[in-house]
Amino acid sequence: MKRTKPGPLEADEADRLADLFKALGDPSRLALIDQLAREELCVHDLAARVGMEQSAVSHQLRLMRDRGLLERRRDGRHIYYALADGHVRDIFEFALEHAREDR
């Protein structure tokens, strides 16, 4: 994998990267990302799929959206969430592949 910027990691980049990994460092958030990697979903459907309360799902979605991992769109009374871009899906899938490797 090629780095987009030559040279050492700068302090602000390290901070942003650490925030990204912190946001991904929770099993509940990973379960939500797993579902959103498959399709766009509303809070109600996400809560049912991962077995969490809607308020807890909303809290986790807000945290991930604030960190740029998710986007949302309104359709009438419903708000649908999706991964912000292909990078989020790639990071999740690469990490999952790595976690599933035999050690």
PDB file of N, CA and C in Angstrom:
ATOM      1  N   MET A   1       0.856  -1.177   0.000  1.00  0.00           N
ATOM      2  CA  MET A   1       0.000   0.000   0.000  1.00  0.00           C
ATOM      3  C   MET A   1       0.900   1.238   0.000  1.00  0.00           C
ATOM      4  N   LYS A   2       0.629   2.156  -0.855  1.00  0.00           N
ATOM      5  CA  LYS A   2       1.442   3.357  -1.020  1.00  0.00           C
ATOM      6  C   LYS A   2       0.904   4.477  -0.142  1.00  0.00           C
ATOM      7  N   ARG A   3       1.791   5.150   0.557  1.00  0.00           N
ATOM      8  CA  ARG A   3       1.398   6.318   1.340  1.00  0.00           C
ATOM      9  C   ARG A   3       1.174   7.481   0.404  1.00  0.00           C
ATOM     10  N   THR A   4       0.171   8.274   0.693  1.00  0.00           N
ATOM     11  CA  THR A   4      -0.159   9.386  -0.188  1.00  0.00           C
ATOM     12  C   THR A   4       0.798  10.556  -0.001  1.00  0.00           C
ATOM     13  N   LYS A   5       1.447  10.631   1.142  1.00  0.00           N
ATOM     14  CA  LYS A   5       2.341  11.751   1.414  1.00  0.00           C
ATOM     15  C   LYS A   5       3.701  11.194   1.842  1.00  0.00           C
ATOM     16  N   PRO A   6       4.759  11.607   1.155  1.00  0.00           N
ATOM     17  CA  PRO A   6       6.080  11.128   1.551  1.00  0.00           C
ATOM     18  C   PRO A   6       6.512  11.766   2.870  1.00  0.00           C
ATOM     19  N   GLY A   7       7.418  11.124   3.545  1.00  0.00           N
ATOM     20  CA  GLY A   7       7.961  11.680   4.779  1.00  0.00           C
ATOM     21  C   GLY A   7       7.307  11.090   6.009  1.00  0.00           C
ATOM     22  N   PRO A   8       7.833  11.475   7.154  1.00  0.00           N
ATOM     23  CA  PRO A   8       7.340  10.922   8.418  1.00  0.00           C
ATOM     24  C   PRO A   8       5.939  11.419   8.770  1.00  0.00           C
ATOM     25  N   LEU A   9       5.296  10.690   9.620  1.00  0.00           N
ATOM     26  CA  LEU A   9       3.963  11.040  10.114  1.00  0.00           C
ATOM     27  C   LEU A   9       4.070  12.304  10.959  1.00  0.00           C
ATOM     28  N   GLU A  10       3.256  13.292  10.640  1.00  0.00           N
ATOM     29  CA  GLU A  10       3.268  14.547  11.394  1.00  0.00           C
ATOM     30  C   GLU A  10       2.342  14.434  12.602  1.00  0.00           C
ATOM     31  N   ALA A  11       2.538  15.304  13.574  1.00  0.00           N
ATOM     32  CA  ALA A  11       1.785  15.238  14.831  1.00  0.00           C
ATOM     33  C   ALA A  11       0.276  15.353  14.615  1.00  0.00           C
ATOM     34  N   ASP A  12      -0.157  16.276  13.757  1.00  0.00           N
ATOM     35  CA  ASP A  12      -1.601  16.417  13.531  1.00  0.00           C
ATOM     36  C   ASP A  12      -2.177  15.204  12.806  1.00  0.00           C
ATOM     37  N   GLU A  13      -1.388  14.598  11.922  1.00  0.00           N
ATOM     38  CA  GLU A  13      -1.825  13.368  11.257  1.00  0.00           C
ATOM     39  C   GLU A  13      -1.940  12.229  12.261  1.00  0.00           C
ATOM     40  N   ALA A  14      -0.982  12.148  13.171  1.00  0.00           N
ATOM     41  CA  ALA A  14      -1.011  11.107  14.197  1.00  0.00           C
ATOM     42  C   ALA A  14      -2.234  11.268  15.088  1.00  0.00           C
ATOM     43  N   ASP A  15      -2.583  12.507  15.423  1.00  0.00           N
ATOM     44  CA  ASP A  15      -3.770  12.757  16.245  1.00  0.00           C
ATOM     45  C   ASP A  15      -5.042  12.324  15.518  1.00  0.00           C
ATOM     46  N   ARG A  16      -5.150  12.668  14.243  1.00  0.00           N
ATOM     47  CA  ARG A  16      -6.346  12.292  13.466  1.00  0.00           C
ATOM     48  C   ARG A  16      -6.439  10.778  13.305  1.00  0.00           C
ATOM     49  N   LEU A  17      -5.297  10.156  13.078  1.00  0.00           N
ATOM     50  CA  LEU A  17      -5.269   8.703  12.926  1.00  0.00           C
ATOM     51  C   LEU A  17      -5.635   8.010  14.236  1.00  0.00           C
ATOM     52  N   ALA A  18      -5.118   8.526  15.348  1.00  0.00           N
ATOM     53  CA  ALA A  18      -5.465   7.957  16.656  1.00  0.00           C
ATOM     54  C   ALA A  18      -6.959   8.097  16.926  1.00  0.00           C
ATOM     55  N   ASP A  19      -7.547   9.240  16.579  1.00  0.00           N
ATOM     56  CA  ASP A  19      -8.998   9.432  16.742  1.00  0.00           C
ATOM     57  C   ASP A  19      -9.783   8.422  15.901  1.00  0.00           C
ATOM     58  N   LEU A  20      -9.310   8.163  14.695  1.00  0.00           N
ATOM     59  CA  LEU A  20      -9.959   7.177  13.841  1.00  0.00           C
ATOM     60  C   LEU A  20      -9.934   5.804  14.494  1.00  0.00           C
ATOM     61  N   PHE A  21      -8.769   5.392  14.978  1.00  0.00           N
ATOM     62  CA  PHE A  21      -8.667   4.074  15.596  1.00  0.00           C
ATOM     63  C   PHE A  21      -9.447   3.999  16.908  1.00  0.00           C
ATOM     64  N   LYS A  22      -9.514   5.085  17.643  1.00  0.00           N
ATOM     65  CA  LYS A  22     -10.348   5.108  18.859  1.00  0.00           C
ATOM     66  C   LYS A  22     -11.814   4.904  18.497  1.00  0.00           C
ATOM     67  N   ALA A  23     -12.257   5.569  17.440  1.00  0.00           N
ATOM     68  CA  ALA A  23     -13.654   5.439  17.018  1.00  0.00           C
ATOM     69  C   ALA A  23     -13.957   4.014  16.580  1.00  0.00           C
ATOM     70  N   LEU A  24     -12.981   3.339  16.009  1.00  0.00           N
ATOM     71  CA  LEU A  24     -13.171   1.964  15.557  1.00  0.00           C
ATOM     72  C   LEU A  24     -12.889   0.948  16.660  1.00  0.00           C
ATOM     73  N   GLY A  25     -12.409   1.414  17.804  1.00  0.00           N
ATOM     74  CA  GLY A  25     -11.964   0.522  18.865  1.00  0.00           C
ATOM     75  C   GLY A  25     -13.042   0.079  19.838  1.00  0.00           C
ATOM     76  N   ASP A  26     -14.263  -0.024  19.379  1.00  0.00           N
ATOM     77  CA  ASP A  26     -15.367  -0.424  20.248  1.00  0.00           C
ATOM     78  C   ASP A  26     -16.181  -1.497  19.530  1.00  0.00           C
ATOM     79  N   PRO A  27     -16.427  -2.649  20.179  1.00  0.00           N
ATOM     80  CA  PRO A  27     -17.175  -3.718  19.515  1.00  0.00           C
ATOM     81  C   PRO A  27     -18.571  -3.304  19.038  1.00  0.00           C
ATOM     82  N   SER A  28     -19.250  -2.447  19.785  1.00  0.00           N
ATOM     83  CA  SER A  28     -20.582  -1.999  19.357  1.00  0.00           C
ATOM     84  C   SER A  28     -20.496  -1.177  18.078  1.00  0.00           C
ATOM     85  N   ARG A  29     -19.527  -0.284  18.016  1.00  0.00           N
ATOM     86  CA  ARG A  29     -19.371   0.532  16.808  1.00  0.00           C
ATOM     87  C   ARG A  29     -18.954  -0.329  15.619  1.00  0.00           C
ATOM     88  N   LEU A  30     -18.118  -1.331  15.865  1.00  0.00           N
ATOM     89  CA  LEU A  30     -17.716  -2.225  14.778  1.00  0.00           C
ATOM     90  C   LEU A  30     -18.910  -3.027  14.256  1.00  0.00           C
ATOM     91  N   ALA A  31     -19.801  -3.433  15.144  1.00  0.00           N
ATOM     92  CA  ALA A  31     -21.010  -4.148  14.711  1.00  0.00           C
ATOM     93  C   ALA A  31     -21.871  -3.243  13.822  1.00  0.00           C
ATOM     94  N   LEU A  32     -21.956  -1.975  14.180  1.00  0.00           N
ATOM     95  CA  LEU A  32     -22.718  -1.024  13.370  1.00  0.00           C
ATOM     96  C   LEU A  32     -22.052  -0.809  12.011  1.00  0.00           C
ATOM     97  N   ILE A  33     -20.738  -0.653  12.015  1.00  0.00           N
ATOM     98  CA  ILE A  33     -20.014  -0.468  10.753  1.00  0.00           C
ATOM     99  C   ILE A  33     -20.163  -1.700   9.873  1.00  0.00           C
ATOM    100  N   ASP A  34     -20.139  -2.879  10.477  1.00  0.00           N
ATOM    101  CA  ASP A  34     -20.328  -4.108   9.718  1.00  0.00           C
ATOM    102  C   ASP A  34     -21.666  -4.086   8.982  1.00  0.00           C
ATOM    103  N   GLN A  35     -22.706  -3.675   9.658  1.00  0.00           N
ATOM    104  CA  GLN A  35     -24.025  -3.597   9.017  1.00  0.00           C
ATOM    105  C   GLN A  35     -24.060  -2.513   7.933  1.00  0.00           C
ATOM    106  N   LEU A  36     -23.460  -1.359   8.226  1.00  0.00           N
ATOM    107  CA  LEU A  36     -23.481  -0.253   7.263  1.00  0.00           C
ATOM    108  C   LEU A  36     -22.564  -0.504   6.067  1.00  0.00           C
ATOM    109  N   ALA A  37     -21.613  -1.407   6.217  1.00  0.00           N
ATOM    110  CA  ALA A  37     -20.771  -1.782   5.074  1.00  0.00           C
ATOM    111  C   ALA A  37     -21.584  -2.580   4.061  1.00  0.00           C
ATOM    112  N   ARG A  38     -22.703  -3.134   4.508  1.00  0.00           N
ATOM    113  CA  ARG A  38     -23.569  -3.929   3.635  1.00  0.00           C
ATOM    114  C   ARG A  38     -24.614  -3.070   2.942  1.00  0.00           C
ATOM    115  N   GLU A  39     -25.195  -2.103   3.706  1.00  0.00           N
ATOM    116  CA  GLU A  39     -26.244  -1.256   3.142  1.00  0.00           C
ATOM    117  C   GLU A  39     -26.540  -0.078   4.054  1.00  0.00           C
ATOM    118  N   GLU A  40     -27.172   0.917   3.500  1.00  0.00           N
ATOM    119  CA  GLU A  40     -27.641   2.088   4.233  1.00  0.00           C
ATOM    120  C   GLU A  40     -28.821   1.643   5.109  1.00  0.00           C
ATOM    121  N   LEU A  41     -28.834   2.105   6.375  1.00  0.00           N
ATOM    122  CA  LEU A  41     -29.889   1.692   7.305  1.00  0.00           C
ATOM    123  C   LEU A  41     -30.293   2.839   8.212  1.00  0.00           C
ATOM    124  N   CYS A  42     -31.524   2.766   8.732  1.00  0.00           N
ATOM    125  CA  CYS A  42     -31.988   3.730   9.730  1.00  0.00           C
ATOM    126  C   CYS A  42     -31.672   3.194  11.125  1.00  0.00           C
ATOM    127  N   VAL A  43     -31.794   4.047  12.128  1.00  0.00           N
ATOM    128  CA  VAL A  43     -31.470   3.685  13.508  1.00  0.00           C
ATOM    129  C   VAL A  43     -32.299   2.488  13.961  1.00  0.00           C
ATOM    130  N   HIS A  44     -33.588   2.500  13.654  1.00  0.00           N
ATOM    131  CA  HIS A  44     -34.472   1.412  14.069  1.00  0.00           C
ATOM    132  C   HIS A  44     -33.973   0.065  13.547  1.00  0.00           C
ATOM    133  N   ASP A  45     -33.657  -0.001  12.253  1.00  0.00           N
ATOM    134  CA  ASP A  45     -33.191  -1.254  11.656  1.00  0.00           C
ATOM    135  C   ASP A  45     -31.817  -1.660  12.193  1.00  0.00           C
ATOM    136  N   LEU A  46     -30.938  -0.687  12.376  1.00  0.00           N
ATOM    137  CA  LEU A  46     -29.625  -0.993  12.953  1.00  0.00           C
ATOM    138  C   LEU A  46     -29.766  -1.576  14.352  1.00  0.00           C
ATOM    139  N   ALA A  47     -30.598  -0.953  15.177  1.00  0.00           N
ATOM    140  CA  ALA A  47     -30.790  -1.432  16.553  1.00  0.00           C
ATOM    141  C   ALA A  47     -31.299  -2.869  16.564  1.00  0.00           C
ATOM    142  N   ALA A  48     -32.245  -3.167  15.690  1.00  0.00           N
ATOM    143  CA  ALA A  48     -32.787  -4.524  15.623  1.00  0.00           C
ATOM    144  C   ALA A  48     -31.726  -5.528  15.174  1.00  0.00           C
ATOM    145  N   ARG A  49     -30.905  -5.148  14.231  1.00  0.00           N
ATOM    146  CA  ARG A  49     -29.894  -6.074  13.692  1.00  0.00           C
ATOM    147  C   ARG A  49     -28.768  -6.368  14.665  1.00  0.00           C
ATOM    148  N   VAL A  50     -28.374  -5.363  15.447  1.00  0.00           N
ATOM    149  CA  VAL A  50     -27.235  -5.576  16.354  1.00  0.00           C
ATOM    150  C   VAL A  50     -27.661  -5.833  17.794  1.00  0.00           C
ATOM    151  N   GLY A  51     -28.965  -5.781  18.064  1.00  0.00           N
ATOM    152  CA  GLY A  51     -29.461  -6.086  19.405  1.00  0.00           C
ATOM    153  C   GLY A  51     -29.136  -5.025  20.437  1.00  0.00           C
ATOM    154  N   MET A  52     -29.220  -3.772  20.040  1.00  0.00           N
ATOM    155  CA  MET A  52     -28.952  -2.655  20.948  1.00  0.00           C
ATOM    156  C   MET A  52     -30.197  -1.776  21.035  1.00  0.00           C
ATOM    157  N   GLU A  53     -30.265  -0.975  22.094  1.00  0.00           N
ATOM    158  CA  GLU A  53     -31.331   0.018  22.221  1.00  0.00           C
ATOM    159  C   GLU A  53     -31.105   1.123  21.191  1.00  0.00           C
ATOM    160  N   GLN A  54     -32.203   1.700  20.698  1.00  0.00           N
ATOM    161  CA  GLN A  54     -32.090   2.763  19.703  1.00  0.00           C
ATOM    162  C   GLN A  54     -31.293   3.951  20.229  1.00  0.00           C
ATOM    163  N   SER A  55     -31.455   4.281  21.499  1.00  0.00           N
ATOM    164  CA  SER A  55     -30.713   5.424  22.049  1.00  0.00           C
ATOM    165  C   SER A  55     -29.211   5.157  22.045  1.00  0.00           C
ATOM    166  N   ALA A  56     -28.813   3.927  22.331  1.00  0.00           N
ATOM    167  CA  ALA A  56     -27.388   3.576  22.315  1.00  0.00           C
ATOM    168  C   ALA A  56     -26.844   3.609  20.889  1.00  0.00           C
ATOM    169  N   VAL A  57     -27.636   3.120  19.951  1.00  0.00           N
ATOM    170  CA  VAL A  57     -27.229   3.156  18.542  1.00  0.00           C
ATOM    171  C   VAL A  57     -27.074   4.603  18.079  1.00  0.00           C
ATOM    172  N   SER A  58     -28.039   5.446  18.421  1.00  0.00           N
ATOM    173  CA  SER A  58     -27.966   6.861  18.035  1.00  0.00           C
ATOM    174  C   SER A  58     -26.714   7.525  18.591  1.00  0.00           C
ATOM    175  N   HIS A  59     -26.386   7.216  19.828  1.00  0.00           N
ATOM    176  CA  HIS A  59     -25.188   7.789  20.453  1.00  0.00           C
ATOM    177  C   HIS A  59     -23.931   7.366  19.687  1.00  0.00           C
ATOM    178  N   GLN A  60     -23.831   6.085  19.370  1.00  0.00           N
ATOM    179  CA  GLN A  60     -22.648   5.594  18.660  1.00  0.00           C
ATOM    180  C   GLN A  60     -22.575   6.160  17.237  1.00  0.00           C
ATOM    181  N   LEU A  61     -23.716   6.270  16.591  1.00  0.00           N
ATOM    182  CA  LEU A  61     -23.730   6.835  15.236  1.00  0.00           C
ATOM    183  C   LEU A  61     -23.282   8.290  15.240  1.00  0.00           C
ATOM    184  N   ARG A  62     -23.743   9.053  16.225  1.00  0.00           N
ATOM    185  CA  ARG A  62     -23.337  10.455  16.325  1.00  0.00           C
ATOM    186  C   ARG A  62     -21.825  10.568  16.520  1.00  0.00           C
ATOM    187  N   LEU A  63     -21.276   9.721  17.381  1.00  0.00           N
ATOM    188  CA  LEU A  63     -19.835   9.738  17.627  1.00  0.00           C
ATOM    189  C   LEU A  63     -19.069   9.450  16.330  1.00  0.00           C
ATOM    190  N   MET A  64     -19.508   8.439  15.596  1.00  0.00           N
ATOM    191  CA  MET A  64     -18.804   8.088  14.358  1.00  0.00           C
ATOM    192  C   MET A  64     -19.012   9.136  13.267  1.00  0.00           C
ATOM    193  N   ARG A  65     -20.188   9.737  13.228  1.00  0.00           N
ATOM    194  CA  ARG A  65     -20.440  10.793  12.233  1.00  0.00           C
ATOM    195  C   ARG A  65     -19.584  12.012  12.530  1.00  0.00           C
ATOM    196  N   ASP A  66     -19.440  12.352  13.803  1.00  0.00           N
ATOM    197  CA  ASP A  66     -18.602  13.491  14.195  1.00  0.00           C
ATOM    198  C   ASP A  66     -17.144  13.286  13.800  1.00  0.00           C
ATOM    199  N   ARG A  67     -16.732  12.044  13.670  1.00  0.00           N
ATOM    200  CA  ARG A  67     -15.355  11.737  13.287  1.00  0.00           C
ATOM    201  C   ARG A  67     -15.207  11.466  11.792  1.00  0.00           C
ATOM    202  N   GLY A  68     -16.277  11.707  11.046  1.00  0.00           N
ATOM    203  CA  GLY A  68     -16.205  11.602   9.596  1.00  0.00           C
ATOM    204  C   GLY A  68     -16.313  10.198   9.043  1.00  0.00           C
ATOM    205  N   LEU A  69     -16.750   9.238   9.857  1.00  0.00           N
ATOM    206  CA  LEU A  69     -16.852   7.864   9.383  1.00  0.00           C
ATOM    207  C   LEU A  69     -18.186   7.572   8.708  1.00  0.00           C
ATOM    208  N   LEU A  70     -19.208   8.349   9.038  1.00  0.00           N
ATOM    209  CA  LEU A  70     -20.546   8.111   8.514  1.00  0.00           C
ATOM    210  C   LEU A  70     -21.123   9.383   7.910  1.00  0.00           C
ATOM    211  N   GLU A  71     -22.113   9.166   7.049  1.00  0.00           N
ATOM    212  CA  GLU A  71     -22.930  10.268   6.546  1.00  0.00           C
ATOM    213  C   GLU A  71     -24.384   9.870   6.753  1.00  0.00           C
ATOM    214  N   ARG A  72     -25.254  10.854   6.681  1.00  0.00           N
ATOM    215  CA  ARG A  72     -26.673  10.563   6.869  1.00  0.00           C
ATOM    216  C   ARG A  72     -27.498  11.337   5.860  1.00  0.00           C
ATOM    217  N   ARG A  73     -28.692  10.817   5.627  1.00  0.00           N
ATOM    218  CA  ARG A  73     -29.639  11.513   4.768  1.00  0.00           C
ATOM    219  C   ARG A  73     -31.033  11.325   5.356  1.00  0.00           C
ATOM    220  N   ARG A  74     -31.861  12.332   5.200  1.00  0.00           N
ATOM    221  CA  ARG A  74     -33.225  12.293   5.715  1.00  0.00           C
ATOM    222  C   ARG A  74     -34.174  11.910   4.586  1.00  0.00           C
ATOM    223  N   ASP A  75     -35.097  11.026   4.930  1.00  0.00           N
ATOM    224  CA  ASP A  75     -36.166  10.650   4.019  1.00  0.00           C
ATOM    225  C   ASP A  75     -37.461  10.681   4.821  1.00  0.00           C
ATOM    226  N   GLY A  76     -38.153  11.811   4.758  1.00  0.00           N
ATOM    227  CA  GLY A  76     -39.353  11.982   5.588  1.00  0.00           C
ATOM    228  C   GLY A  76     -38.965  12.045   7.057  1.00  0.00           C
ATOM    229  N   ARG A  77     -39.536  11.161   7.848  1.00  0.00           N
ATOM    230  CA  ARG A  77     -39.240  11.129   9.287  1.00  0.00           C
ATOM    231  C   ARG A  77     -38.019  10.284   9.615  1.00  0.00           C
ATOM    232  N   HIS A  78     -37.505   9.552   8.653  1.00  0.00           N
ATOM    233  CA  HIS A  78     -36.394   8.636   8.902  1.00  0.00           C
ATOM    234  C   HIS A  78     -35.065   9.246   8.484  1.00  0.00           C
ATOM    235  N   ILE A  79     -34.035   8.929   9.247  1.00  0.00           N
ATOM    236  CA  ILE A  79     -32.673   9.308   8.897  1.00  0.00           C
ATOM    237  C   ILE A  79     -31.911   8.023   8.618  1.00  0.00           C
ATOM    238  N   TYR A  80     -31.307   7.964   7.451  1.00  0.00           N
ATOM    239  CA  TYR A  80     -30.557   6.784   7.045  1.00  0.00           C
ATOM    240  C   TYR A  80     -29.064   7.080   7.128  1.00  0.00           C
ATOM    241  N   TYR A  81     -28.326   6.087   7.605  1.00  0.00           N
ATOM    242  CA  TYR A  81     -26.885   6.213   7.775  1.00  0.00           C
ATOM    243  C   TYR A  81     -26.164   5.296   6.799  1.00  0.00           C
ATOM    244  N   ALA A  82     -24.998   5.750   6.357  1.00  0.00           N
ATOM    245  CA  ALA A  82     -24.139   4.978   5.461  1.00  0.00           C
ATOM    246  C   ALA A  82     -22.693   5.319   5.793  1.00  0.00           C
ATOM    247  N   LEU A  83     -21.778   4.463   5.367  1.00  0.00           N
ATOM    248  CA  LEU A  83     -20.361   4.774   5.534  1.00  0.00           C
ATOM    249  C   LEU A  83     -20.032   6.016   4.718  1.00  0.00           C
ATOM    250  N   ALA A  84     -19.145   6.839   5.232  1.00  0.00           N
ATOM    251  CA  ALA A  84     -18.823   8.113   4.586  1.00  0.00           C
ATOM    252  C   ALA A  84     -18.205   7.929   3.208  1.00  0.00           C
ATOM    253  N   ASP A  85     -17.381   6.901   3.059  1.00  0.00           N
ATOM    254  CA  ASP A  85     -16.750   6.656   1.762  1.00  0.00           C
ATOM    255  C   ASP A  85     -16.130   5.263   1.754  1.00  0.00           C
ATOM    256  N   GLY A  86     -15.542   4.931   0.630  1.00  0.00           N
ATOM    257  CA  GLY A  86     -14.929   3.613   0.479  1.00  0.00           C
ATOM    258  C   GLY A  86     -13.750   3.374   1.392  1.00  0.00           C
ATOM    259  N   HIS A  87     -13.101   4.437   1.847  1.00  0.00           N
ATOM    260  CA  HIS A  87     -11.964   4.266   2.755  1.00  0.00           C
ATOM    261  C   HIS A  87     -12.400   3.611   4.055  1.00  0.00           C
ATOM    262  N   VAL A  88     -13.547   4.018   4.578  1.00  0.00           N
ATOM    263  CA  VAL A  88     -14.045   3.449   5.840  1.00  0.00           C
ATOM    264  C   VAL A  88     -14.296   1.953   5.654  1.00  0.00           C
ATOM    265  N   ARG A  89     -14.941   1.595   4.558  1.00  0.00           N
ATOM    266  CA  ARG A  89     -15.184   0.177   4.263  1.00  0.00           C
ATOM    267  C   ARG A  89     -13.858  -0.566   4.139  1.00  0.00           C
ATOM    268  N   ASP A  90     -12.902   0.010   3.415  1.00  0.00           N
ATOM    269  CA  ASP A  90     -11.601  -0.644   3.224  1.00  0.00           C
ATOM    270  C   ASP A  90     -10.892  -0.864   4.553  1.00  0.00           C
ATOM    271  N   ILE A  91     -10.869   0.156   5.407  1.00  0.00           N
ATOM    272  CA  ILE A  91     -10.211   0.023   6.711  1.00  0.00           C
ATOM    273  C   ILE A  91     -10.857  -1.100   7.505  1.00  0.00           C
ATOM    274  N   PHE A  92     -12.191  -1.126   7.536  1.00  0.00           N
ATOM    275  CA  PHE A  92     -12.905  -2.170   8.266  1.00  0.00           C
ATOM    276  C   PHE A  92     -12.588  -3.549   7.686  1.00  0.00           C
ATOM    277  N   GLU A  93     -12.670  -3.689   6.376  1.00  0.00           N
ATOM    278  CA  GLU A  93     -12.450  -4.995   5.756  1.00  0.00           C
ATOM    279  C   GLU A  93     -11.004  -5.476   5.908  1.00  0.00           C
ATOM    280  N   PHE A  94     -10.033  -4.559   5.783  1.00  0.00           N
ATOM    281  CA  PHE A  94      -8.630  -4.943   5.982  1.00  0.00           C
ATOM    282  C   PHE A  94      -8.384  -5.370   7.426  1.00  0.00           C
ATOM    283  N   ALA A  95      -8.944  -4.625   8.362  1.00  0.00           N
ATOM    284  CA  ALA A  95      -8.762  -4.959   9.774  1.00  0.00           C
ATOM    285  C   ALA A  95      -9.428  -6.293  10.102  1.00  0.00           C
ATOM    286  N   LEU A  96     -10.615  -6.526   9.554  1.00  0.00           N
ATOM    287  CA  LEU A  96     -11.309  -7.793   9.789  1.00  0.00           C
ATOM    288  C   LEU A  96     -10.515  -8.956   9.207  1.00  0.00           C
ATOM    289  N   GLU A  97     -10.008  -8.776   8.008  1.00  0.00           N
ATOM    290  CA  GLU A  97      -9.182  -9.818   7.392  1.00  0.00           C
ATOM    291  C   GLU A  97      -7.960 -10.113   8.266  1.00  0.00           C
ATOM    292  N   HIS A  98      -7.332  -9.066   8.766  1.00  0.00           N
ATOM    293  CA  HIS A  98      -6.157  -9.237   9.628  1.00  0.00           C
ATOM    294  C   HIS A  98      -6.541  -9.965  10.923  1.00  0.00           C
ATOM    295  N   ALA A  99      -7.671  -9.610  11.518  1.00  0.00           N
ATOM    296  CA  ALA A  99      -8.122 -10.225  12.772  1.00  0.00           C
ATOM    297  C   ALA A  99      -8.456 -11.714  12.577  1.00  0.00           C
ATOM    298  N   ARG A 100      -8.904 -12.071  11.395  1.00  0.00           N
ATOM    299  CA  ARG A 100      -9.274 -13.469  11.111  1.00  0.00           C
ATOM    300  C   ARG A 100      -8.098 -14.353  10.719  1.00  0.00           C
ATOM    301  N   GLU A 101      -6.927 -13.763  10.512  1.00  0.00           N
ATOM    302  CA  GLU A 101      -5.755 -14.562  10.128  1.00  0.00           C
ATOM    303  C   GLU A 101      -5.344 -15.477  11.266  1.00  0.00           C
ATOM    304  N   ASP A 102      -4.881 -16.645  10.897  1.00  0.00           N
ATOM    305  CA  ASP A 102      -4.328 -17.567  11.906  1.00  0.00           C
ATOM    306  C   ASP A 102      -3.029 -16.983  12.422  1.00  0.00           C
ATOM    307  N   ARG A 103      -2.856 -17.084  13.690  1.00  0.00           N
ATOM    308  CA  ARG A 103      -1.625 -16.543  14.289  1.00  0.00           C
ATOM    309  C   ARG A 103      -0.752 -17.670  14.752  1.00  0.00           C
TER     310      ARG A 103
END
